[in-house]
PDB file of N, CA and C in Angstrom:
ATOM      1  N   UNK A   1       5.254   2.329-112.023  1.00  0.00           N
ATOM      2  CA  UNK A   1       6.026   2.185-113.253  1.00  0.00           C
ATOM      3  C   UNK A   1       5.138   2.569-114.441  1.00  0.00           C
ATOM      4  N   UNK A   2       5.742   3.188-115.403  1.00  0.00           N
ATOM      5  CA  UNK A   2       5.065   3.586-116.626  1.00  0.00           C
ATOM      6  C   UNK A   2       4.441   2.359-117.293  1.00  0.00           C
ATOM      7  N   UNK A   3       3.163   2.427-117.718  1.00  0.00           N
ATOM      8  CA  UNK A   3       2.511   1.260-118.322  1.00  0.00           C
ATOM      9  C   UNK A   3       3.176   0.788-119.616  1.00  0.00           C
ATOM     10  N   UNK A   4       3.706   1.703-120.400  1.00  0.00           N
ATOM     11  CA  UNK A   4       4.387   1.305-121.641  1.00  0.00           C
ATOM     12  C   UNK A   4       5.660   0.534-121.308  1.00  0.00           C
ATOM     13  N   UNK A   5       6.431   1.038-120.357  1.00  0.00           N
ATOM     14  CA  UNK A   5       7.654   0.356-119.939  1.00  0.00           C
ATOM     15  C   UNK A   5       7.330  -1.012-119.354  1.00  0.00           C
ATOM     16  N   UNK A   6       6.261  -1.082-118.560  1.00  0.00           N
ATOM     17  CA  UNK A   6       5.860  -2.358-117.963  1.00  0.00           C
ATOM     18  C   UNK A   6       5.539  -3.380-119.058  1.00  0.00           C
ATOM     19  N   UNK A   7       4.825  -2.940-120.099  1.00  0.00           N
ATOM     20  CA  UNK A   7       4.489  -3.846-121.206  1.00  0.00           C
ATOM     21  C   UNK A   7       5.741  -4.307-121.955  1.00  0.00           C
ATOM     22  N   UNK A   8       6.660  -3.381-122.168  1.00  0.00           N
ATOM     23  CA  UNK A   8       7.900  -3.749-122.863  1.00  0.00           C
ATOM     24  C   UNK A   8       8.700  -4.765-122.063  1.00  0.00           C
ATOM     25  N   UNK A   9       8.791  -4.542-120.753  1.00  0.00           N
ATOM     26  CA  UNK A   9       9.538  -5.467-119.907  1.00  0.00           C
ATOM     27  C   UNK A   9       8.857  -6.828-119.805  1.00  0.00           C
ATOM     28  N   UNK A  10       7.535  -6.858-119.908  1.00  0.00           N
ATOM     29  CA  UNK A  10       6.790  -8.110-119.803  1.00  0.00           C
ATOM     30  C   UNK A  10       6.698  -8.854-121.137  1.00  0.00           C
ATOM     31  N   UNK A  11       7.052  -8.190-122.221  1.00  0.00           N
ATOM     32  CA  UNK A  11       6.950  -8.814-123.546  1.00  0.00           C
ATOM     33  C   UNK A  11       7.863 -10.034-123.637  1.00  0.00           C
ATOM     34  N   UNK A  12       7.389 -11.065-124.319  1.00  0.00           N
ATOM     35  CA  UNK A  12       8.235 -12.258-124.458  1.00  0.00           C
ATOM     36  C   UNK A  12       9.487 -11.946-125.275  1.00  0.00           C
ATOM     37  N   UNK A  13      10.566 -12.543-124.859  1.00  0.00           N
ATOM     38  CA  UNK A  13      11.821 -12.368-125.601  1.00  0.00           C
ATOM     39  C   UNK A  13      11.860 -13.399-126.706  1.00  0.00           C
ATOM     40  N   UNK A  14      12.392 -13.002-127.833  1.00  0.00           N
ATOM     41  CA  UNK A  14      12.383 -13.885-128.996  1.00  0.00           C
ATOM     42  C   UNK A  14      13.724 -13.808-129.705  1.00  0.00           C
ATOM     43  N   UNK A  15      14.238 -14.954-130.024  1.00  0.00           N
ATOM     44  CA  UNK A  15      15.435 -15.010-130.859  1.00  0.00           C
ATOM     45  C   UNK A  15      14.991 -14.988-132.310  1.00  0.00           C
ATOM     46  N   UNK A  16      15.832 -14.460-133.159  1.00  0.00           N
ATOM     47  CA  UNK A  16      15.517 -14.547-134.581  1.00  0.00           C
ATOM     48  C   UNK A  16      15.616 -16.012-134.996  1.00  0.00           C
ATOM     49  N   UNK A  17      14.943 -16.337-136.091  1.00  0.00           N
ATOM     50  CA  UNK A  17      14.950 -17.719-136.577  1.00  0.00           C
ATOM     51  C   UNK A  17      16.374 -18.184-136.881  1.00  0.00           C
ATOM     52  N   UNK A  18      17.187 -17.286-137.426  1.00  0.00           N
ATOM     53  CA  UNK A  18      18.562 -17.659-137.778  1.00  0.00           C
ATOM     54  C   UNK A  18      19.390 -17.962-136.530  1.00  0.00           C
ATOM     55  N   UNK A  19      19.253 -17.131-135.495  1.00  0.00           N
ATOM     56  CA  UNK A  19      20.012 -17.359-134.264  1.00  0.00           C
ATOM     57  C   UNK A  19      19.523 -18.634-133.571  1.00  0.00           C
ATOM     58  N   UNK A  20      18.198 -18.827-133.535  1.00  0.00           N
ATOM     59  CA  UNK A  20      17.646 -20.024-132.898  1.00  0.00           C
ATOM     60  C   UNK A  20      18.144 -21.293-133.589  1.00  0.00           C
ATOM     61  N   UNK A  21      18.151 -21.295-134.913  1.00  0.00           N
ATOM     62  CA  UNK A  21      18.635 -22.465-135.643  1.00  0.00           C
ATOM     63  C   UNK A  21      20.131 -22.661-135.428  1.00  0.00           C
ATOM     64  N   UNK A  22      20.876 -21.576-135.405  1.00  0.00           N
ATOM     65  CA  UNK A  22      22.315 -21.662-135.151  1.00  0.00           C
ATOM     66  C   UNK A  22      22.581 -22.322-133.800  1.00  0.00           C
ATOM     67  N   UNK A  23      21.848 -21.889-132.778  1.00  0.00           N
ATOM     68  CA  UNK A  23      22.021 -22.475-131.450  1.00  0.00           C
ATOM     69  C   UNK A  23      21.623 -23.942-131.437  1.00  0.00           C
ATOM     70  N   UNK A  24      20.545 -24.266-132.154  1.00  0.00           N
ATOM     71  CA  UNK A  24      20.102 -25.668-132.238  1.00  0.00           C
ATOM     72  C   UNK A  24      21.165 -26.540-132.898  1.00  0.00           C
ATOM     73  N   UNK A  25      21.697 -26.078-134.020  1.00  0.00           N
ATOM     74  CA  UNK A  25      22.723 -26.850-134.722  1.00  0.00           C
ATOM     75  C   UNK A  25      23.990 -26.976-133.887  1.00  0.00           C
ATOM     76  N   UNK A  26      24.327 -25.914-133.177  1.00  0.00           N
ATOM     77  CA  UNK A  26      25.506 -25.950-132.311  1.00  0.00           C
ATOM     78  C   UNK A  26      25.305 -26.942-131.165  1.00  0.00           C
ATOM     79  N   UNK A  27      24.122 -26.942-130.561  1.00  0.00           N
ATOM     80  CA  UNK A  27      23.842 -27.873-129.461  1.00  0.00           C
ATOM     81  C   UNK A  27      23.863 -29.316-129.934  1.00  0.00           C
ATOM     82  N   UNK A  28      23.450 -29.535-131.188  1.00  0.00           N
ATOM     83  CA  UNK A  28      23.480 -30.886-131.756  1.00  0.00           C
ATOM     84  C   UNK A  28      24.866 -31.231-132.297  1.00  0.00           C
ATOM     85  N   UNK A  29      25.798 -30.306-132.135  1.00  0.00           N
ATOM     86  CA  UNK A  29      27.184 -30.456-132.588  1.00  0.00           C
ATOM     87  C   UNK A  29      27.274 -30.768-134.082  1.00  0.00           C
ATOM     88  N   UNK A  30      26.417 -30.081-134.845  1.00  0.00           N
ATOM     89  CA  UNK A  30      26.466 -30.223-136.303  1.00  0.00           C
ATOM     90  C   UNK A  30      27.463 -29.210-136.832  1.00  0.00           C
ATOM     91  N   UNK A  31      28.670 -29.638-136.996  1.00  0.00           N
ATOM     92  CA  UNK A  31      29.723 -28.721-137.438  1.00  0.00           C
ATOM     93  C   UNK A  31      30.374 -29.155-138.750  1.00  0.00           C
ATOM     94  N   UNK A  32      30.112 -30.365-139.158  1.00  0.00           N
ATOM     95  CA  UNK A  32      30.721 -30.855-140.393  1.00  0.00           C
ATOM     96  C   UNK A  32      29.955 -30.323-141.605  1.00  0.00           C
ATOM     97  N   UNK A  33      30.666 -29.972-142.665  1.00  0.00           N
ATOM     98  CA  UNK A  33      30.009 -29.420-143.852  1.00  0.00           C
ATOM     99  C   UNK A  33      28.891 -30.314-144.400  1.00  0.00           C
ATOM    100  N   UNK A  34      29.105 -31.620-144.375  1.00  0.00           N
ATOM    101  CA  UNK A  34      28.076 -32.533-144.900  1.00  0.00           C
ATOM    102  C   UNK A  34      26.793 -32.451-144.076  1.00  0.00           C
ATOM    103  N   UNK A  35      26.939 -32.366-142.755  1.00  0.00           N
ATOM    104  CA  UNK A  35      25.779 -32.265-141.881  1.00  0.00           C
ATOM    105  C   UNK A  35      25.038 -30.957-142.134  1.00  0.00           C
ATOM    106  N   UNK A  36      25.806 -29.896-142.301  1.00  0.00           N
ATOM    107  CA  UNK A  36      25.196 -28.593-142.536  1.00  0.00           C
ATOM    108  C   UNK A  36      24.510 -28.523-143.901  1.00  0.00           C
ATOM    109  N   UNK A  37      25.085 -29.170-144.891  1.00  0.00           N
ATOM    110  CA  UNK A  37      24.449 -29.195-146.216  1.00  0.00           C
ATOM    111  C   UNK A  37      23.100 -29.888-146.175  1.00  0.00           C
ATOM    112  N   UNK A  38      22.960 -30.889-145.315  1.00  0.00           N
ATOM    113  CA  UNK A  38      21.675 -31.582-145.179  1.00  0.00           C
ATOM    114  C   UNK A  38      20.624 -30.656-144.550  1.00  0.00           C
ATOM    115  N   UNK A  39      21.063 -29.628-143.879  1.00  0.00           N
ATOM    116  CA  UNK A  39      20.172 -28.668-143.227  1.00  0.00           C
ATOM    117  C   UNK A  39      19.960 -27.407-144.078  1.00  0.00           C
ATOM    118  N   UNK A  40      20.431 -27.451-145.317  1.00  0.00           N
ATOM    119  CA  UNK A  40      20.420 -26.266-146.173  1.00  0.00           C
ATOM    120  C   UNK A  40      19.037 -25.625-146.275  1.00  0.00           C
ATOM    121  N   UNK A  41      18.000 -26.411-146.460  1.00  0.00           N
ATOM    122  CA  UNK A  41      16.648 -25.869-146.578  1.00  0.00           C
ATOM    123  C   UNK A  41      16.218 -25.131-145.323  1.00  0.00           C
ATOM    124  N   UNK A  42      16.478 -25.718-144.164  1.00  0.00           N
ATOM    125  CA  UNK A  42      16.132 -25.079-142.894  1.00  0.00           C
ATOM    126  C   UNK A  42      16.942 -23.808-142.685  1.00  0.00           C
ATOM    127  N   UNK A  43      18.217 -23.856-143.059  1.00  0.00           N
ATOM    128  CA  UNK A  43      19.091 -22.682-142.892  1.00  0.00           C
ATOM    129  C   UNK A  43      18.603 -21.539-143.772  1.00  0.00           C
ATOM    130  N   UNK A  44      18.294 -21.833-145.035  1.00  0.00           N
ATOM    131  CA  UNK A  44      17.815 -20.793-145.942  1.00  0.00           C
ATOM    132  C   UNK A  44      16.479 -20.222-145.478  1.00  0.00           C
ATOM    133  N   UNK A  45      15.586 -21.078-144.974  1.00  0.00           N
ATOM    134  CA  UNK A  45      14.287 -20.611-144.475  1.00  0.00           C
ATOM    135  C   UNK A  45      14.471 -19.705-143.256  1.00  0.00           C
ATOM    136  N   UNK A  46      15.392 -20.075-142.367  1.00  0.00           N
ATOM    137  CA  UNK A  46      15.646 -19.264-141.169  1.00  0.00           C
ATOM    138  C   UNK A  46      16.233 -17.911-141.550  1.00  0.00           C
ATOM    139  N   UNK A  47      17.122 -17.898-142.517  1.00  0.00           N
ATOM    140  CA  UNK A  47      17.707 -16.636-142.976  1.00  0.00           C
ATOM    141  C   UNK A  47      16.638 -15.758-143.608  1.00  0.00           C
ATOM    142  N   UNK A  48      15.783 -16.342-144.441  1.00  0.00           N
ATOM    143  CA  UNK A  48      14.703 -15.584-145.088  1.00  0.00           C
ATOM    144  C   UNK A  48      13.759 -14.990-144.058  1.00  0.00           C
ATOM    145  N   UNK A  49      13.373 -15.787-143.059  1.00  0.00           N
ATOM    146  CA  UNK A  49      12.478 -15.292-142.013  1.00  0.00           C
ATOM    147  C   UNK A  49      13.126 -14.162-141.216  1.00  0.00           C
ATOM    148  N   UNK A  50      14.407 -14.315-140.912  1.00  0.00           N
ATOM    149  CA  UNK A  50      15.116 -13.280-140.158  1.00  0.00           C
ATOM    150  C   UNK A  50      15.231 -12.001-140.975  1.00  0.00           C
ATOM    151  N   UNK A  51      15.507 -12.117-142.259  1.00  0.00           N
ATOM    152  CA  UNK A  51      15.575 -10.931-143.115  1.00  0.00           C
ATOM    153  C   UNK A  51      14.221 -10.226-143.185  1.00  0.00           C
ATOM    154  N   UNK A  52      13.140 -11.003-143.221  1.00  0.00           N
ATOM    155  CA  UNK A  52      11.795 -10.427-143.230  1.00  0.00           C
ATOM    156  C   UNK A  52      11.520  -9.684-141.917  1.00  0.00           C
ATOM    157  N   UNK A  53      11.926 -10.294-140.793  1.00  0.00           N
ATOM    158  CA  UNK A  53      11.761  -9.638-139.486  1.00  0.00           C
ATOM    159  C   UNK A  53      12.541  -8.322-139.424  1.00  0.00           C
ATOM    160  N   UNK A  54      13.759  -8.335-139.936  1.00  0.00           N
ATOM    161  CA  UNK A  54      14.592  -7.128-139.941  1.00  0.00           C
ATOM    162  C   UNK A  54      13.940  -6.040-140.785  1.00  0.00           C
ATOM    163  N   UNK A  55      13.415  -6.407-141.955  1.00  0.00           N
ATOM    164  CA  UNK A  55      12.747  -5.422-142.817  1.00  0.00           C
ATOM    165  C   UNK A  55      11.535  -4.822-142.121  1.00  0.00           C
ATOM    166  N   UNK A  56      10.769  -5.652-141.427  1.00  0.00           N
ATOM    167  CA  UNK A  56       9.601  -5.159-140.694  1.00  0.00           C
ATOM    168  C   UNK A  56      10.017  -4.181-139.611  1.00  0.00           C
ATOM    169  N   UNK A  57      11.051  -4.523-138.858  1.00  0.00           N
ATOM    170  CA  UNK A  57      11.530  -3.627-137.803  1.00  0.00           C
ATOM    171  C   UNK A  57      12.058  -2.319-138.365  1.00  0.00           C
ATOM    172  N   UNK A  58      12.749  -2.386-139.488  1.00  0.00           N
ATOM    173  CA  UNK A  58      13.252  -1.155-140.107  1.00  0.00           C
ATOM    174  C   UNK A  58      12.096  -0.258-140.531  1.00  0.00           C
ATOM    175  N   UNK A  59      11.008  -0.848-141.081  1.00  0.00           N
ATOM    176  CA  UNK A  59       9.845  -0.055-141.472  1.00  0.00           C
ATOM    177  C   UNK A  59       9.184   0.581-140.252  1.00  0.00           C
ATOM    178  N   UNK A  60       9.090  -0.164-139.165  1.00  0.00           N
ATOM    179  CA  UNK A  60       8.500   0.370-137.938  1.00  0.00           C
ATOM    180  C   UNK A  60       9.336   1.533-137.412  1.00  0.00           C
ATOM    181  N   UNK A  61      10.650   1.387-137.417  1.00  0.00           N
ATOM    182  CA  UNK A  61      11.519   2.471-136.953  1.00  0.00           C
ATOM    183  C   UNK A  61      11.362   3.719-137.812  1.00  0.00           C
ATOM    184  N   UNK A  62      11.263   3.546-139.113  1.00  0.00           N
ATOM    185  CA  UNK A  62      11.060   4.686-140.008  1.00  0.00           C
ATOM    186  C   UNK A  62       9.730   5.360-139.686  1.00  0.00           C
ATOM    187  N   UNK A  63       8.681   4.559-139.513  1.00  0.00           N
ATOM    188  CA  UNK A  63       7.370   5.125-139.167  1.00  0.00           C
ATOM    189  C   UNK A  63       7.428   5.892-137.856  1.00  0.00           C
ATOM    190  N   UNK A  64       8.114   5.348-136.867  1.00  0.00           N
ATOM    191  CA  UNK A  64       8.221   6.029-135.575  1.00  0.00           C
ATOM    192  C   UNK A  64       8.991   7.339-135.697  1.00  0.00           C
ATOM    193  N   UNK A  65      10.087   7.317-136.459  1.00  0.00           N
ATOM    194  CA  UNK A  65      10.872   8.539-136.631  1.00  0.00           C
ATOM    195  C   UNK A  65      10.091   9.620-137.363  1.00  0.00           C
ATOM    196  N   UNK A  66       9.245   9.206-138.298  1.00  0.00           N
ATOM    197  CA  UNK A  66       8.512  10.170-139.113  1.00  0.00           C
ATOM    198  C   UNK A  66       7.178  10.576-138.499  1.00  0.00           C
ATOM    199  N   UNK A  67       6.784   9.931-137.410  1.00  0.00           N
ATOM    200  CA  UNK A  67       5.491  10.269-136.808  1.00  0.00           C
ATOM    201  C   UNK A  67       5.577  11.614-136.097  1.00  0.00           C
ATOM    202  N   UNK A  68       4.464  12.299-136.096  1.00  0.00           N
ATOM    203  CA  UNK A  68       4.408  13.627-135.474  1.00  0.00           C
ATOM    204  C   UNK A  68       4.397  13.486-133.955  1.00  0.00           C
ATOM    205  N   UNK A  69       5.001  14.457-133.313  1.00  0.00           N
ATOM    206  CA  UNK A  69       4.988  14.484-131.854  1.00  0.00           C
ATOM    207  C   UNK A  69       3.574  14.791-131.379  1.00  0.00           C
ATOM    208  N   UNK A  70       3.230  14.233-130.229  1.00  0.00           N
ATOM    209  CA  UNK A  70       1.907  14.484-129.653  1.00  0.00           C
ATOM    210  C   UNK A  70       2.084  14.845-128.191  1.00  0.00           C
ATOM    211  N   UNK A  71       1.360  15.849-127.727  1.00  0.00           N
ATOM    212  CA  UNK A  71       1.485  16.229-126.326  1.00  0.00           C
ATOM    213  C   UNK A  71       0.949  15.126-125.413  1.00  0.00           C
ATOM    214  N   UNK A  72       1.548  15.025-124.266  1.00  0.00           N
ATOM    215  CA  UNK A  72       1.136  14.041-123.276  1.00  0.00           C
ATOM    216  C   UNK A  72       0.351  14.713-122.160  1.00  0.00           C
ATOM    217  N   UNK A  73      -0.607  13.985-121.638  1.00  0.00           N
ATOM    218  CA  UNK A  73      -1.384  14.493-120.511  1.00  0.00           C
ATOM    219  C   UNK A  73      -0.656  14.208-119.192  1.00  0.00           C
ATOM    220  N   UNK A  74       0.397  13.388-119.269  1.00  0.00           N
ATOM    221  CA  UNK A  74       1.126  12.976-118.064  1.00  0.00           C
ATOM    222  C   UNK A  74       2.544  13.549-118.127  1.00  0.00           C
ATOM    223  N   UNK A  75       3.002  14.126-117.045  1.00  0.00           N
ATOM    224  CA  UNK A  75       4.364  14.640-116.983  1.00  0.00           C
ATOM    225  C   UNK A  75       5.277  13.488-116.567  1.00  0.00           C
ATOM    226  N   UNK A  76       6.336  13.202-117.344  1.00  0.00           N
ATOM    227  CA  UNK A  76       7.254  12.123-116.982  1.00  0.00           C
ATOM    228  C   UNK A  76       7.904  12.373-115.629  1.00  0.00           C
ATOM    229  N   UNK A  77       8.141  11.312-114.904  1.00  0.00           N
ATOM    230  CA  UNK A  77       8.800  11.429-113.599  1.00  0.00           C
ATOM    231  C   UNK A  77      10.188  12.035-113.774  1.00  0.00           C
ATOM    232  N   UNK A  78      10.561  12.911-112.880  1.00  0.00           N
ATOM    233  CA  UNK A  78      11.877  13.522-112.926  1.00  0.00           C
ATOM    234  C   UNK A  78      11.898  14.885-113.598  1.00  0.00           C
ATOM    235  N   UNK A  79      10.774  15.328-114.126  1.00  0.00           N
ATOM    236  CA  UNK A  79      10.728  16.640-114.787  1.00  0.00           C
ATOM    237  C   UNK A  79       9.929  17.619-113.984  1.00  0.00           C
TER     238      UNK A  79
END
């Protein structure tokens, strides 16, 4: 198996902070507006962290798209 693919498959999976908090609140059955308002600080922090993660990923994608192609010393399987 390709070493890059192996590393990607072995990488830990991570939920965004917003999704993780959503699942936590759902599991605790916090559905009433009053309960959610008490969690406002945590919710806003999770949204901010998730937005920061998204911005970082968008910058990485732009960098990858704009990077120059480089020849490989290895021929991909199937070619």
